[in-house]
Amino acid sequence: VITHHPDRNYEFVAPSHPDHRAVGGAALDA
């Protein structure tokens, strides 16, 4: 499975959209 990182990236904010983090966390839990 390839998905978003669930943690905020403080070095480059663009990947850290709230939806990205939510989906990454839910996908890992799934």
PDB file of all heavy atoms in Angstrom:
ATOM      1  N   VAL A   1       0.854  -1.184   0.000  1.00  0.00           N
ATOM      2  CA  VAL A   1       0.000   0.000   0.000  1.00  0.00           C
ATOM      3  C   VAL A   1       0.890   1.234   0.000  1.00  0.00           C
ATOM      4  O   VAL A   1       1.857   1.312   0.762  1.00  0.00           O
ATOM      5  CB  VAL A   1      -0.953   0.023   1.212  1.00  0.00           C
ATOM      6  CG1 VAL A   1      -1.589   1.412   1.393  1.00  0.00           C
ATOM      7  CG2 VAL A   1      -2.048  -1.033   1.057  1.00  0.00           C
ATOM      8  N   ILE A   2       0.576   2.192  -0.860  1.00  0.00           N
ATOM      9  CA  ILE A   2       1.258   3.481  -0.895  1.00  0.00           C
ATOM     10  C   ILE A   2       0.256   4.542  -0.461  1.00  0.00           C
ATOM     11  O   ILE A   2      -0.859   4.601  -0.981  1.00  0.00           O
ATOM     12  CB  ILE A   2       1.783   3.804  -2.304  1.00  0.00           C
ATOM     13  CG1 ILE A   2       2.774   2.728  -2.768  1.00  0.00           C
ATOM     14  CG2 ILE A   2       2.444   5.186  -2.331  1.00  0.00           C
ATOM     15  CD1 ILE A   2       3.233   2.902  -4.211  1.00  0.00           C
ATOM     16  N   THR A   3       0.642   5.379   0.505  1.00  0.00           N
ATOM     17  CA  THR A   3      -0.276   6.402   0.994  1.00  0.00           C
ATOM     18  C   THR A   3       0.497   7.574   1.564  1.00  0.00           C
ATOM     19  O   THR A   3       1.736   7.603   1.559  1.00  0.00           O
ATOM     20  CB  THR A   3      -1.259   5.806   2.031  1.00  0.00           C
ATOM     21  OG1 THR A   3      -2.325   6.735   2.269  1.00  0.00           O
ATOM     22  CG2 THR A   3      -0.561   5.474   3.347  1.00  0.00           C
ATOM     23  N   HIS A   4      -0.236   8.561   2.075  1.00  0.00           N
ATOM     24  CA  HIS A   4       0.361   9.768   2.636  1.00  0.00           C
ATOM     25  C   HIS A   4       1.003   9.495   3.995  1.00  0.00           C
ATOM     26  O   HIS A   4       0.516   8.671   4.776  1.00  0.00           O
ATOM     27  CB  HIS A   4      -0.707  10.846   2.853  1.00  0.00           C
ATOM     28  CG  HIS A   4      -1.471  11.223   1.642  1.00  0.00           C
ATOM     29  ND1 HIS A   4      -0.951  12.030   0.653  1.00  0.00           N
ATOM     30  CD2 HIS A   4      -2.748  10.941   1.254  1.00  0.00           C
ATOM     31  CE1 HIS A   4      -1.874  12.227  -0.282  1.00  0.00           C
ATOM     32  NE2 HIS A   4      -2.968  11.570   0.058  1.00  0.00           N
ATOM     33  N   HIS A   5       2.038  10.271   4.300  1.00  0.00           N
ATOM     34  CA  HIS A   5       2.583  10.258   5.655  1.00  0.00           C
ATOM     35  C   HIS A   5       1.585  10.958   6.575  1.00  0.00           C
ATOM     36  O   HIS A   5       1.097  12.039   6.262  1.00  0.00           O
ATOM     37  CB  HIS A   5       3.922  10.984   5.692  1.00  0.00           C
ATOM     38  CG  HIS A   5       4.782  10.570   6.837  1.00  0.00           C
ATOM     39  ND1 HIS A   5       4.439  10.814   8.160  1.00  0.00           N
ATOM     40  CD2 HIS A   5       5.970   9.903   6.883  1.00  0.00           C
ATOM     41  CE1 HIS A   5       5.364  10.329   8.940  1.00  0.00           C
ATOM     42  NE2 HIS A   5       6.314   9.765   8.199  1.00  0.00           N
ATOM     43  N   PRO A   6       1.252  10.357   7.722  1.00  0.00           N
ATOM     44  CA  PRO A   6       0.253  10.971   8.595  1.00  0.00           C
ATOM     45  C   PRO A   6       0.770  12.103   9.465  1.00  0.00           C
ATOM     46  O   PRO A   6      -0.024  12.778  10.133  1.00  0.00           O
ATOM     47  CB  PRO A   6      -0.211   9.799   9.470  1.00  0.00           C
ATOM     48  CG  PRO A   6       1.001   8.925   9.558  1.00  0.00           C
ATOM     49  CD  PRO A   6       1.674   9.033   8.210  1.00  0.00           C
ATOM     50  N   ASP A   7       2.082  12.333   9.467  1.00  0.00           N
ATOM     51  CA  ASP A   7       2.661  13.379  10.314  1.00  0.00           C
ATOM     52  C   ASP A   7       2.919  14.642   9.493  1.00  0.00           C
ATOM     53  O   ASP A   7       3.199  14.588   8.296  1.00  0.00           O
ATOM     54  CB  ASP A   7       3.976  12.913  10.932  1.00  0.00           C
ATOM     55  CG  ASP A   7       3.797  11.733  11.861  1.00  0.00           C
ATOM     56  OD1 ASP A   7       2.665  11.528  12.356  1.00  0.00           O
ATOM     57  OD2 ASP A   7       4.779  11.001  12.090  1.00  0.00           O
ATOM     58  N   ARG A   8       2.871  15.781  10.163  1.00  0.00           N
ATOM     59  CA  ARG A   8       3.152  17.053   9.495  1.00  0.00           C
ATOM     60  C   ARG A   8       4.638  17.145   9.139  1.00  0.00           C
ATOM     61  O   ARG A   8       5.499  16.817   9.961  1.00  0.00           O
ATOM     62  CB  ARG A   8       2.754  18.222  10.392  1.00  0.00           C
ATOM     63  CG  ARG A   8       2.756  19.566   9.670  1.00  0.00           C
ATOM     64  CD  ARG A   8       2.419  20.704  10.634  1.00  0.00           C
ATOM     65  NE  ARG A   8       1.098  20.548  11.225  1.00  0.00           N
ATOM     66  CZ  ARG A   8      -0.044  20.932  10.654  1.00  0.00           C
ATOM     67  NH1 ARG A   8      -0.023  21.481   9.450  1.00  0.00           N
ATOM     68  NH2 ARG A   8      -1.188  20.775  11.290  1.00  0.00           N
ATOM     69  N   ASN A   9       4.909  17.578   7.926  1.00  0.00           N
ATOM     70  CA  ASN A   9       6.275  17.786   7.471  1.00  0.00           C
ATOM     71  C   ASN A   9       6.625  19.258   7.685  1.00  0.00           C
ATOM     72  O   ASN A   9       6.128  20.128   6.970  1.00  0.00           O
ATOM     73  CB  ASN A   9       6.397  17.407   5.994  1.00  0.00           C
ATOM     74  CG  ASN A   9       7.816  17.484   5.474  1.00  0.00           C
ATOM     75  OD1 ASN A   9       8.652  18.187   6.030  1.00  0.00           O
ATOM     76  ND2 ASN A   9       8.096  16.770   4.397  1.00  0.00           N
ATOM     77  N   TYR A  10       7.483  19.538   8.650  1.00  0.00           N
ATOM     78  CA  TYR A  10       7.830  20.917   8.975  1.00  0.00           C
ATOM     79  C   TYR A  10       8.913  21.480   8.059  1.00  0.00           C
ATOM     80  O   TYR A  10       9.215  22.672   8.117  1.00  0.00           O
ATOM     81  CB  TYR A  10       8.265  21.021  10.435  1.00  0.00           C
ATOM     82  CG  TYR A  10       7.116  20.808  11.399  1.00  0.00           C
ATOM     83  CD1 TYR A  10       6.948  19.594  12.054  1.00  0.00           C
ATOM     84  CD2 TYR A  10       6.197  21.823  11.645  1.00  0.00           C
ATOM     85  CE1 TYR A  10       5.891  19.398  12.933  1.00  0.00           C
ATOM     86  CE2 TYR A  10       5.143  21.641  12.520  1.00  0.00           C
ATOM     87  CZ  TYR A  10       4.989  20.425  13.160  1.00  0.00           C
ATOM     88  OH  TYR A  10       3.931  20.228  14.016  1.00  0.00           O
ATOM     89  N   GLU A  11       9.503  20.643   7.222  1.00  0.00           N
ATOM     90  CA  GLU A  11      10.511  21.109   6.281  1.00  0.00           C
ATOM     91  C   GLU A  11       9.896  21.555   4.963  1.00  0.00           C
ATOM     92  O   GLU A  11      10.457  22.386   4.260  1.00  0.00           O
ATOM     93  CB  GLU A  11      11.530  19.994   6.026  1.00  0.00           C
ATOM     94  CG  GLU A  11      12.316  19.599   7.274  1.00  0.00           C
ATOM     95  CD  GLU A  11      13.286  18.475   7.005  1.00  0.00           C
ATOM     96  OE1 GLU A  11      13.405  18.047   5.835  1.00  0.00           O
ATOM     97  OE2 GLU A  11      13.916  17.998   7.963  1.00  0.00           O
ATOM     98  N   PHE A  12       8.734  20.994   4.621  1.00  0.00           N
ATOM     99  CA  PHE A  12       8.054  21.312   3.364  1.00  0.00           C
ATOM    100  C   PHE A  12       6.571  21.077   3.591  1.00  0.00           C
ATOM    101  O   PHE A  12       6.119  19.941   3.676  1.00  0.00           O
ATOM    102  CB  PHE A  12       8.599  20.429   2.234  1.00  0.00           C
ATOM    103  CG  PHE A  12       7.976  20.710   0.889  1.00  0.00           C
ATOM    104  CD1 PHE A  12       7.933  21.988   0.357  1.00  0.00           C
ATOM    105  CD2 PHE A  12       7.451  19.667   0.137  1.00  0.00           C
ATOM    106  CE1 PHE A  12       7.367  22.229  -0.890  1.00  0.00           C
ATOM    107  CE2 PHE A  12       6.886  19.897  -1.103  1.00  0.00           C
ATOM    108  CZ  PHE A  12       6.849  21.183  -1.621  1.00  0.00           C
ATOM    109  N   VAL A  13       5.792  22.151   3.724  1.00  0.00           N
ATOM    110  CA  VAL A  13       4.437  22.031   4.249  1.00  0.00           C
ATOM    111  C   VAL A  13       3.438  21.465   3.244  1.00  0.00           C
ATOM    112  O   VAL A  13       2.412  20.894   3.639  1.00  0.00           O
ATOM    113  CB  VAL A  13       3.947  23.397   4.771  1.00  0.00           C
ATOM    114  CG1 VAL A  13       3.613  24.345   3.629  1.00  0.00           C
ATOM    115  CG2 VAL A  13       2.762  23.232   5.710  1.00  0.00           C
ATOM    116  N   ALA A  14       3.702  21.572   1.943  1.00  0.00           N
ATOM    117  CA  ALA A  14       2.697  21.206   0.947  1.00  0.00           C
ATOM    118  C   ALA A  14       2.151  19.789   1.103  1.00  0.00           C
ATOM    119  O   ALA A  14       0.948  19.575   0.921  1.00  0.00           O
ATOM    120  CB  ALA A  14       3.259  21.414  -0.457  1.00  0.00           C
ATOM    121  N   PRO A  15       2.992  18.782   1.420  1.00  0.00           N
ATOM    122  CA  PRO A  15       2.414  17.439   1.558  1.00  0.00           C
ATOM    123  C   PRO A  15       1.546  17.260   2.801  1.00  0.00           C
ATOM    124  O   PRO A  15       0.899  16.214   2.940  1.00  0.00           O
ATOM    125  CB  PRO A  15       3.652  16.528   1.643  1.00  0.00           C
ATOM    126  CG  PRO A  15       4.790  17.345   1.144  1.00  0.00           C
ATOM    127  CD  PRO A  15       4.455  18.754   1.504  1.00  0.00           C
ATOM    128  N   SER A  16       1.514  18.251   3.680  1.00  0.00           N
ATOM    129  CA  SER A  16       0.864  18.088   4.986  1.00  0.00           C
ATOM    130  C   SER A  16      -0.548  18.663   5.022  1.00  0.00           C
ATOM    131  O   SER A  16      -1.029  19.059   6.090  1.00  0.00           O
ATOM    132  CB  SER A  16       1.723  18.742   6.069  1.00  0.00           C
ATOM    133  OG  SER A  16       2.985  18.120   6.149  1.00  0.00           O
ATOM    134  N   HIS A  17      -1.209  18.720   3.880  1.00  0.00           N
ATOM    135  CA  HIS A  17      -2.618  19.103   3.853  1.00  0.00           C
ATOM    136  C   HIS A  17      -3.376  18.257   4.880  1.00  0.00           C
ATOM    137  O   HIS A  17      -3.093  17.063   5.033  1.00  0.00           O
ATOM    138  CB  HIS A  17      -3.163  18.845   2.441  1.00  0.00           C
ATOM    139  CG  HIS A  17      -4.543  19.349   2.192  1.00  0.00           C
ATOM    140  ND1 HIS A  17      -5.660  18.797   2.797  1.00  0.00           N
ATOM    141  CD2 HIS A  17      -5.004  20.336   1.384  1.00  0.00           C
ATOM    142  CE1 HIS A  17      -6.746  19.418   2.371  1.00  0.00           C
ATOM    143  NE2 HIS A  17      -6.375  20.372   1.524  1.00  0.00           N
ATOM    144  N   PRO A  18      -4.320  18.832   5.614  1.00  0.00           N
ATOM    145  CA  PRO A  18      -5.040  18.046   6.627  1.00  0.00           C
ATOM    146  C   PRO A  18      -5.673  16.775   6.075  1.00  0.00           C
ATOM    147  O   PRO A  18      -5.684  15.742   6.750  1.00  0.00           O
ATOM    148  CB  PRO A  18      -6.104  19.028   7.136  1.00  0.00           C
ATOM    149  CG  PRO A  18      -5.529  20.375   6.892  1.00  0.00           C
ATOM    150  CD  PRO A  18      -4.729  20.257   5.636  1.00  0.00           C
ATOM    151  N   ASP A  19      -6.211  16.843   4.851  1.00  0.00           N
ATOM    152  CA  ASP A  19      -6.776  15.636   4.250  1.00  0.00           C
ATOM    153  C   ASP A  19      -5.714  14.564   4.052  1.00  0.00           C
ATOM    154  O   ASP A  19      -5.974  13.364   4.227  1.00  0.00           O
ATOM    155  CB  ASP A  19      -7.408  15.956   2.888  1.00  0.00           C
ATOM    156  CG  ASP A  19      -8.707  16.725   2.982  1.00  0.00           C
ATOM    157  OD1 ASP A  19      -9.215  16.930   4.103  1.00  0.00           O
ATOM    158  OD2 ASP A  19      -9.227  17.134   1.916  1.00  0.00           O
ATOM    159  N   HIS A  20      -4.512  14.967   3.648  1.00  0.00           N
ATOM    160  CA  HIS A  20      -3.432  13.998   3.442  1.00  0.00           C
ATOM    161  C   HIS A  20      -3.119  13.278   4.747  1.00  0.00           C
ATOM    162  O   HIS A  20      -3.010  12.044   4.790  1.00  0.00           O
ATOM    163  CB  HIS A  20      -2.161  14.697   2.954  1.00  0.00           C
ATOM    164  CG  HIS A  20      -2.270  15.306   1.605  1.00  0.00           C
ATOM    165  ND1 HIS A  20      -1.205  15.921   0.986  1.00  0.00           N
ATOM    166  CD2 HIS A  20      -3.319  15.422   0.739  1.00  0.00           C
ATOM    167  CE1 HIS A  20      -1.574  16.385  -0.201  1.00  0.00           C
ATOM    168  NE2 HIS A  20      -2.861  16.098  -0.368  1.00  0.00           N
ATOM    169  N   ARG A  21      -2.958  14.056   5.805  1.00  0.00           N
ATOM    170  CA  ARG A  21      -2.600  13.450   7.087  1.00  0.00           C
ATOM    171  C   ARG A  21      -3.715  12.540   7.607  1.00  0.00           C
ATOM    172  O   ARG A  21      -3.454  11.461   8.151  1.00  0.00           O
ATOM    173  CB  ARG A  21      -2.259  14.540   8.103  1.00  0.00           C
ATOM    174  CG  ARG A  21      -0.940  15.243   7.762  1.00  0.00           C
ATOM    175  CD  ARG A  21      -0.552  16.298   8.791  1.00  0.00           C
ATOM    176  NE  ARG A  21      -1.310  17.526   8.629  1.00  0.00           N
ATOM    177  CZ  ARG A  21      -2.098  18.062   9.550  1.00  0.00           C
ATOM    178  NH1 ARG A  21      -2.268  17.459  10.712  1.00  0.00           N
ATOM    179  NH2 ARG A  21      -2.721  19.202   9.312  1.00  0.00           N
ATOM    180  N   ALA A  22      -4.963  12.954   7.410  1.00  0.00           N
ATOM    181  CA  ALA A  22      -6.091  12.135   7.852  1.00  0.00           C
ATOM    182  C   ALA A  22      -6.161  10.826   7.072  1.00  0.00           C
ATOM    183  O   ALA A  22      -6.371   9.746   7.649  1.00  0.00           O
ATOM    184  CB  ALA A  22      -7.388  12.910   7.704  1.00  0.00           C
ATOM    185  N   VAL A  23      -5.984  10.916   5.753  1.00  0.00           N
ATOM    186  CA  VAL A  23      -6.037   9.711   4.924  1.00  0.00           C
ATOM    187  C   VAL A  23      -4.868   8.784   5.240  1.00  0.00           C
ATOM    188  O   VAL A  23      -5.038   7.555   5.330  1.00  0.00           O
ATOM    189  CB  VAL A  23      -6.074  10.083   3.435  1.00  0.00           C
ATOM    190  CG1 VAL A  23      -5.844   8.859   2.552  1.00  0.00           C
ATOM    191  CG2 VAL A  23      -7.406  10.742   3.092  1.00  0.00           C
ATOM    192  N   GLY A  24      -3.676   9.357   5.419  1.00  0.00           N
ATOM    193  CA  GLY A  24      -2.532   8.517   5.763  1.00  0.00           C
ATOM    194  C   GLY A  24      -2.738   7.768   7.062  1.00  0.00           C
ATOM    195  O   GLY A  24      -2.451   6.566   7.162  1.00  0.00           O
ATOM    196  N   GLY A  25      -3.248   8.464   8.079  1.00  0.00           N
ATOM    197  CA  GLY A  25      -3.499   7.811   9.356  1.00  0.00           C
ATOM    198  C   GLY A  25      -4.562   6.741   9.247  1.00  0.00           C
ATOM    199  O   GLY A  25      -4.412   5.623   9.786  1.00  0.00           O
ATOM    200  N   ALA A  26      -5.663   7.044   8.547  1.00  0.00           N
ATOM    201  CA  ALA A  26      -6.733   6.062   8.391  1.00  0.00           C
ATOM    202  C   ALA A  26      -6.275   4.864   7.574  1.00  0.00           C
ATOM    203  O   ALA A  26      -6.647   3.716   7.861  1.00  0.00           O
ATOM    204  CB  ALA A  26      -7.947   6.717   7.740  1.00  0.00           C
ATOM    205  N   ALA A  27      -5.465   5.103   6.541  1.00  0.00           N
ATOM    206  CA  ALA A  27      -4.975   3.998   5.719  1.00  0.00           C
ATOM    207  C   ALA A  27      -4.059   3.085   6.523  1.00  0.00           C
ATOM    208  O   ALA A  27      -4.142   1.849   6.407  1.00  0.00           O
ATOM    209  CB  ALA A  27      -4.249   4.539   4.488  1.00  0.00           C
ATOM    210  N   LEU A  28      -3.194   3.667   7.340  1.00  0.00           N
ATOM    211  CA  LEU A  28      -2.340   2.833   8.185  1.00  0.00           C
ATOM    212  C   LEU A  28      -3.166   2.021   9.171  1.00  0.00           C
ATOM    213  O   LEU A  28      -2.892   0.837   9.405  1.00  0.00           O
ATOM    214  CB  LEU A  28      -1.325   3.702   8.929  1.00  0.00           C
ATOM    215  CG  LEU A  28      -0.117   4.167   8.113  1.00  0.00           C
ATOM    216  CD1 LEU A  28       0.668   5.212   8.886  1.00  0.00           C
ATOM    217  CD2 LEU A  28       0.779   2.982   7.767  1.00  0.00           C
ATOM    218  N   ASP A  29      -4.200   2.629   9.743  1.00  0.00           N
ATOM    219  CA  ASP A  29      -5.068   1.895  10.657  1.00  0.00           C
ATOM    220  C   ASP A  29      -5.843   0.804   9.924  1.00  0.00           C
ATOM    221  O   ASP A  29      -6.104  -0.268  10.477  1.00  0.00           O
ATOM    222  CB  ASP A  29      -6.047   2.850  11.343  1.00  0.00           C
ATOM    223  CG  ASP A  29      -5.377   3.764  12.356  1.00  0.00           C
ATOM    224  OD1 ASP A  29      -4.259   3.430  12.798  1.00  0.00           O
ATOM    225  OD2 ASP A  29      -5.970   4.809  12.687  1.00  0.00           O
ATOM    226  N   ALA A  30      -6.216   1.073   8.672  1.00  0.00           N
ATOM    227  CA  ALA A  30      -6.916   0.061   7.888  1.00  0.00           C
ATOM    228  C   ALA A  30      -6.002  -1.114   7.559  1.00  0.00           C
ATOM    229  O   ALA A  30      -6.440  -2.269   7.541  1.00  0.00           O
ATOM    230  CB  ALA A  30      -7.467   0.682   6.605  1.00  0.00           C
TER     231      ALA A  30
END
